[in-house]
């Protein structure tokens, strides 16, 4: 008796799922940078980073995580030195 171990996972997440996850990234960073950056600035940064990364990505599975990290780095760099940030969740 042979066991078939072939998994049928998609090569890339669906565009709908990626949009949903990136929306959650926007919400998370908006809370983290509340009082430091406007929600619109956070949204624009996340979308800009996602667009940049997507253009050069060979694999999009980790796009949301990489987007969150880079967007947070940029927002932190733009934040005033004295501004307190919420702890990363």
N, C-alpha and C. Protein backbone atom coordinates (compact mmCIF):
# COMPACT_ATOMS: atom_id res chain seq x y z
N UNK A 1 0.84 -1.17 0.00
CA UNK A 1 0.00 0.00 0.00
C UNK A 1 0.89 1.24 0.00
N UNK A 2 0.68 2.12 -0.96
CA UNK A 2 1.48 3.35 -1.01
C UNK A 2 0.64 4.53 -0.53
N UNK A 3 1.32 5.45 0.08
CA UNK A 3 0.64 6.65 0.58
C UNK A 3 1.03 7.81 -0.31
N UNK A 4 0.05 8.50 -0.81
CA UNK A 4 0.29 9.66 -1.66
C UNK A 4 0.49 10.88 -0.77
N UNK A 5 1.66 11.45 -0.80
CA UNK A 5 1.95 12.60 0.05
C UNK A 5 2.02 13.91 -0.73
N UNK A 6 1.48 13.90 -1.92
CA UNK A 6 1.50 15.13 -2.73
C UNK A 6 0.48 16.10 -2.14
N UNK A 7 0.94 17.28 -1.84
CA UNK A 7 0.05 18.31 -1.30
C UNK A 7 -0.30 19.27 -2.41
N UNK A 8 -1.51 19.71 -2.39
CA UNK A 8 -1.98 20.61 -3.44
C UNK A 8 -2.13 22.02 -2.88
N UNK A 9 -1.04 22.59 -2.47
CA UNK A 9 -1.05 23.95 -1.97
C UNK A 9 -0.79 24.90 -3.13
N UNK A 10 -1.41 26.05 -3.10
CA UNK A 10 -1.16 27.00 -4.18
C UNK A 10 0.29 27.49 -4.14
N UNK A 11 0.83 27.78 -5.29
CA UNK A 11 2.20 28.28 -5.37
C UNK A 11 2.30 29.68 -4.78
N UNK A 12 1.21 30.41 -4.81
CA UNK A 12 1.17 31.76 -4.27
C UNK A 12 -0.20 31.98 -3.64
N UNK A 13 -0.27 32.80 -2.61
CA UNK A 13 -1.57 33.09 -2.00
C UNK A 13 -2.47 33.82 -3.00
N UNK A 14 -3.75 33.69 -2.81
CA UNK A 14 -4.68 34.36 -3.72
C UNK A 14 -4.56 35.87 -3.55
N UNK A 15 -4.81 36.62 -4.61
CA UNK A 15 -4.77 38.09 -4.51
C UNK A 15 -5.74 38.62 -3.45
N UNK A 16 -6.89 37.98 -3.32
CA UNK A 16 -7.87 38.40 -2.32
C UNK A 16 -7.30 38.24 -0.91
N UNK A 17 -6.66 37.12 -0.65
CA UNK A 17 -6.07 36.87 0.66
C UNK A 17 -4.93 37.85 0.93
N UNK A 18 -4.11 38.12 -0.07
CA UNK A 18 -3.02 39.08 0.12
C UNK A 18 -3.55 40.47 0.45
N UNK A 19 -4.61 40.90 -0.24
CA UNK A 19 -5.20 42.21 0.07
C UNK A 19 -5.70 42.25 1.50
N UNK A 20 -6.34 41.16 1.93
CA UNK A 20 -6.85 41.08 3.30
C UNK A 20 -5.71 41.18 4.31
N UNK A 21 -4.65 40.44 4.08
CA UNK A 21 -3.52 40.44 5.02
C UNK A 21 -2.82 41.80 5.02
N UNK A 22 -2.66 42.41 3.86
CA UNK A 22 -2.03 43.74 3.80
C UNK A 22 -2.89 44.79 4.50
N UNK A 23 -4.21 44.63 4.44
CA UNK A 23 -5.10 45.54 5.17
C UNK A 23 -4.86 45.39 6.67
N UNK A 24 -4.67 44.16 7.13
CA UNK A 24 -4.38 43.93 8.55
C UNK A 24 -3.02 44.52 8.93
N UNK A 25 -2.06 44.45 8.04
CA UNK A 25 -0.75 45.07 8.27
C UNK A 25 -0.93 46.57 8.45
N UNK A 26 -1.74 47.19 7.58
CA UNK A 26 -2.01 48.63 7.70
C UNK A 26 -2.61 48.95 9.06
N UNK A 27 -3.58 48.16 9.49
CA UNK A 27 -4.25 48.40 10.77
C UNK A 27 -3.28 48.23 11.95
N UNK A 28 -2.46 47.21 11.88
CA UNK A 28 -1.48 46.95 12.95
C UNK A 28 -0.48 48.10 13.07
N UNK A 29 0.05 48.53 11.93
CA UNK A 29 1.04 49.62 11.96
C UNK A 29 0.39 50.95 12.32
N UNK A 30 -0.85 51.16 11.93
CA UNK A 30 -1.55 52.40 12.30
C UNK A 30 -1.68 52.48 13.82
N UNK A 31 -1.98 51.35 14.46
CA UNK A 31 -2.06 51.34 15.93
C UNK A 31 -0.67 51.56 16.54
N UNK A 32 0.31 50.89 15.98
CA UNK A 32 1.68 50.99 16.53
C UNK A 32 2.23 52.40 16.41
N UNK A 33 1.93 53.09 15.33
CA UNK A 33 2.48 54.43 15.09
C UNK A 33 1.45 55.53 15.35
N UNK A 34 0.40 55.21 16.10
CA UNK A 34 -0.62 56.19 16.44
C UNK A 34 0.03 57.35 17.20
N UNK A 35 -0.29 58.56 16.79
CA UNK A 35 0.30 59.74 17.40
C UNK A 35 1.64 60.12 16.80
N UNK A 36 2.18 59.27 15.97
CA UNK A 36 3.47 59.52 15.33
C UNK A 36 3.27 59.75 13.83
N UNK A 37 2.41 58.92 13.23
CA UNK A 37 2.10 59.03 11.80
C UNK A 37 0.59 58.90 11.65
N UNK A 38 0.04 59.59 10.68
CA UNK A 38 -1.40 59.48 10.43
C UNK A 38 -1.71 58.12 9.83
N UNK A 39 -2.96 57.72 9.96
CA UNK A 39 -3.38 56.44 9.36
C UNK A 39 -3.16 56.47 7.86
N UNK A 40 -3.38 57.63 7.24
CA UNK A 40 -3.18 57.75 5.79
C UNK A 40 -1.70 57.60 5.43
N UNK A 41 -0.82 58.15 6.24
CA UNK A 41 0.62 58.01 5.98
C UNK A 41 1.05 56.55 6.12
N UNK A 42 0.51 55.86 7.11
CA UNK A 42 0.81 54.44 7.28
C UNK A 42 0.31 53.66 6.08
N UNK A 43 -0.93 53.92 5.69
CA UNK A 43 -1.53 53.22 4.54
C UNK A 43 -0.69 53.44 3.28
N UNK A 44 -0.29 54.68 3.04
CA UNK A 44 0.50 55.00 1.85
C UNK A 44 1.86 54.29 1.90
N UNK A 45 2.47 54.25 3.06
CA UNK A 45 3.77 53.59 3.20
C UNK A 45 3.65 52.09 2.94
N UNK A 46 2.64 51.47 3.53
CA UNK A 46 2.43 50.03 3.33
C UNK A 46 2.20 49.73 1.85
N UNK A 47 1.37 50.51 1.20
CA UNK A 47 1.07 50.26 -0.21
C UNK A 47 2.29 50.50 -1.10
N UNK A 48 3.06 51.51 -0.78
CA UNK A 48 4.28 51.79 -1.54
C UNK A 48 5.28 50.64 -1.41
N UNK A 49 5.49 50.20 -0.19
CA UNK A 49 6.43 49.10 0.06
C UNK A 49 5.95 47.82 -0.62
N UNK A 50 4.66 47.50 -0.47
CA UNK A 50 4.12 46.28 -1.09
C UNK A 50 4.30 46.32 -2.60
N UNK A 51 4.06 47.47 -3.19
CA UNK A 51 4.21 47.62 -4.64
C UNK A 51 5.67 47.42 -5.06
N UNK A 52 6.58 48.02 -4.32
CA UNK A 52 8.01 47.88 -4.63
C UNK A 52 8.46 46.43 -4.52
N UNK A 53 8.06 45.78 -3.44
CA UNK A 53 8.48 44.40 -3.22
C UNK A 53 7.86 43.46 -4.25
N UNK A 54 6.62 43.71 -4.59
CA UNK A 54 5.92 42.84 -5.54
C UNK A 54 6.56 42.88 -6.93
N UNK A 55 7.07 44.05 -7.31
CA UNK A 55 7.71 44.18 -8.63
C UNK A 55 8.92 43.27 -8.77
N UNK A 56 9.66 43.07 -7.69
CA UNK A 56 10.89 42.28 -7.78
C UNK A 56 10.76 40.89 -7.17
N UNK A 57 9.58 40.55 -6.68
CA UNK A 57 9.41 39.27 -5.99
C UNK A 57 9.33 38.10 -6.96
N UNK A 58 10.06 37.06 -6.65
CA UNK A 58 9.93 35.81 -7.40
C UNK A 58 8.87 34.94 -6.73
N UNK A 59 8.71 35.15 -5.45
CA UNK A 59 7.73 34.41 -4.67
C UNK A 59 6.98 35.41 -3.80
N UNK A 60 5.67 35.35 -3.78
CA UNK A 60 4.89 36.36 -3.05
C UNK A 60 4.34 35.84 -1.72
N UNK A 61 4.69 34.64 -1.35
CA UNK A 61 4.17 34.03 -0.12
C UNK A 61 4.48 34.89 1.11
N UNK A 62 5.66 35.48 1.15
CA UNK A 62 6.08 36.23 2.33
C UNK A 62 5.96 37.74 2.15
N UNK A 63 5.31 38.16 1.10
CA UNK A 63 5.16 39.59 0.81
C UNK A 63 4.57 40.38 1.98
N UNK A 64 3.48 39.92 2.63
CA UNK A 64 2.94 40.69 3.75
C UNK A 64 3.93 40.87 4.91
N UNK A 65 4.64 39.81 5.27
CA UNK A 65 5.60 39.91 6.38
C UNK A 65 6.75 40.85 6.04
N UNK A 66 7.26 40.73 4.83
CA UNK A 66 8.35 41.61 4.40
C UNK A 66 7.87 43.05 4.29
N UNK A 67 6.64 43.22 3.82
CA UNK A 67 6.06 44.56 3.71
C UNK A 67 5.93 45.19 5.09
N UNK A 68 5.43 44.43 6.05
CA UNK A 68 5.26 44.97 7.40
C UNK A 68 6.60 45.40 7.99
N UNK A 69 7.60 44.57 7.83
CA UNK A 69 8.92 44.89 8.39
C UNK A 69 9.50 46.16 7.77
N UNK A 70 9.46 46.25 6.43
CA UNK A 70 10.05 47.41 5.75
C UNK A 70 9.24 48.67 6.01
N UNK A 71 7.92 48.57 6.01
CA UNK A 71 7.08 49.74 6.27
C UNK A 71 7.32 50.25 7.70
N UNK A 72 7.42 49.34 8.65
CA UNK A 72 7.70 49.74 10.04
C UNK A 72 9.06 50.42 10.13
N UNK A 73 10.04 49.90 9.42
CA UNK A 73 11.38 50.51 9.43
C UNK A 73 11.32 51.93 8.89
N UNK A 74 10.60 52.12 7.78
CA UNK A 74 10.49 53.46 7.19
C UNK A 74 9.73 54.42 8.09
N UNK A 75 8.64 53.95 8.68
CA UNK A 75 7.86 54.81 9.57
C UNK A 75 8.68 55.18 10.80
N UNK A 76 9.44 54.24 11.33
CA UNK A 76 10.31 54.51 12.48
C UNK A 76 11.37 55.54 12.11
N UNK A 77 11.93 55.42 10.93
CA UNK A 77 12.97 56.36 10.49
C UNK A 77 12.40 57.76 10.33
N UNK A 78 11.14 57.85 9.93
CA UNK A 78 10.51 59.16 9.74
C UNK A 78 9.96 59.75 11.03
N UNK A 79 9.86 58.94 12.08
CA UNK A 79 9.27 59.39 13.35
C UNK A 79 10.24 60.32 14.07
N UNK A 80 9.71 61.32 14.75
CA UNK A 80 10.58 62.16 15.57
C UNK A 80 11.26 61.31 16.65
N UNK A 81 12.47 61.65 16.97
CA UNK A 81 13.27 60.86 17.92
C UNK A 81 12.60 60.76 19.29
N UNK A 82 11.83 61.75 19.68
CA UNK A 82 11.23 61.75 21.01
C UNK A 82 9.86 61.08 21.05
N UNK A 83 9.34 60.67 19.91
CA UNK A 83 7.98 60.11 19.87
C UNK A 83 7.97 58.69 20.42
N UNK A 84 7.11 58.43 21.42
CA UNK A 84 7.01 57.07 21.94
C UNK A 84 6.21 56.20 20.98
N UNK A 85 6.65 54.97 20.76
CA UNK A 85 5.95 54.04 19.89
C UNK A 85 5.32 52.94 20.73
N UNK A 86 4.18 52.45 20.28
CA UNK A 86 3.56 51.31 20.95
C UNK A 86 4.45 50.09 20.74
N UNK A 87 4.42 49.19 21.68
CA UNK A 87 5.22 47.97 21.56
C UNK A 87 4.74 47.16 20.37
N UNK A 88 5.68 46.54 19.69
CA UNK A 88 5.33 45.70 18.53
C UNK A 88 4.50 44.53 19.02
N UNK A 89 3.45 44.25 18.27
CA UNK A 89 2.55 43.15 18.67
C UNK A 89 3.05 41.83 18.18
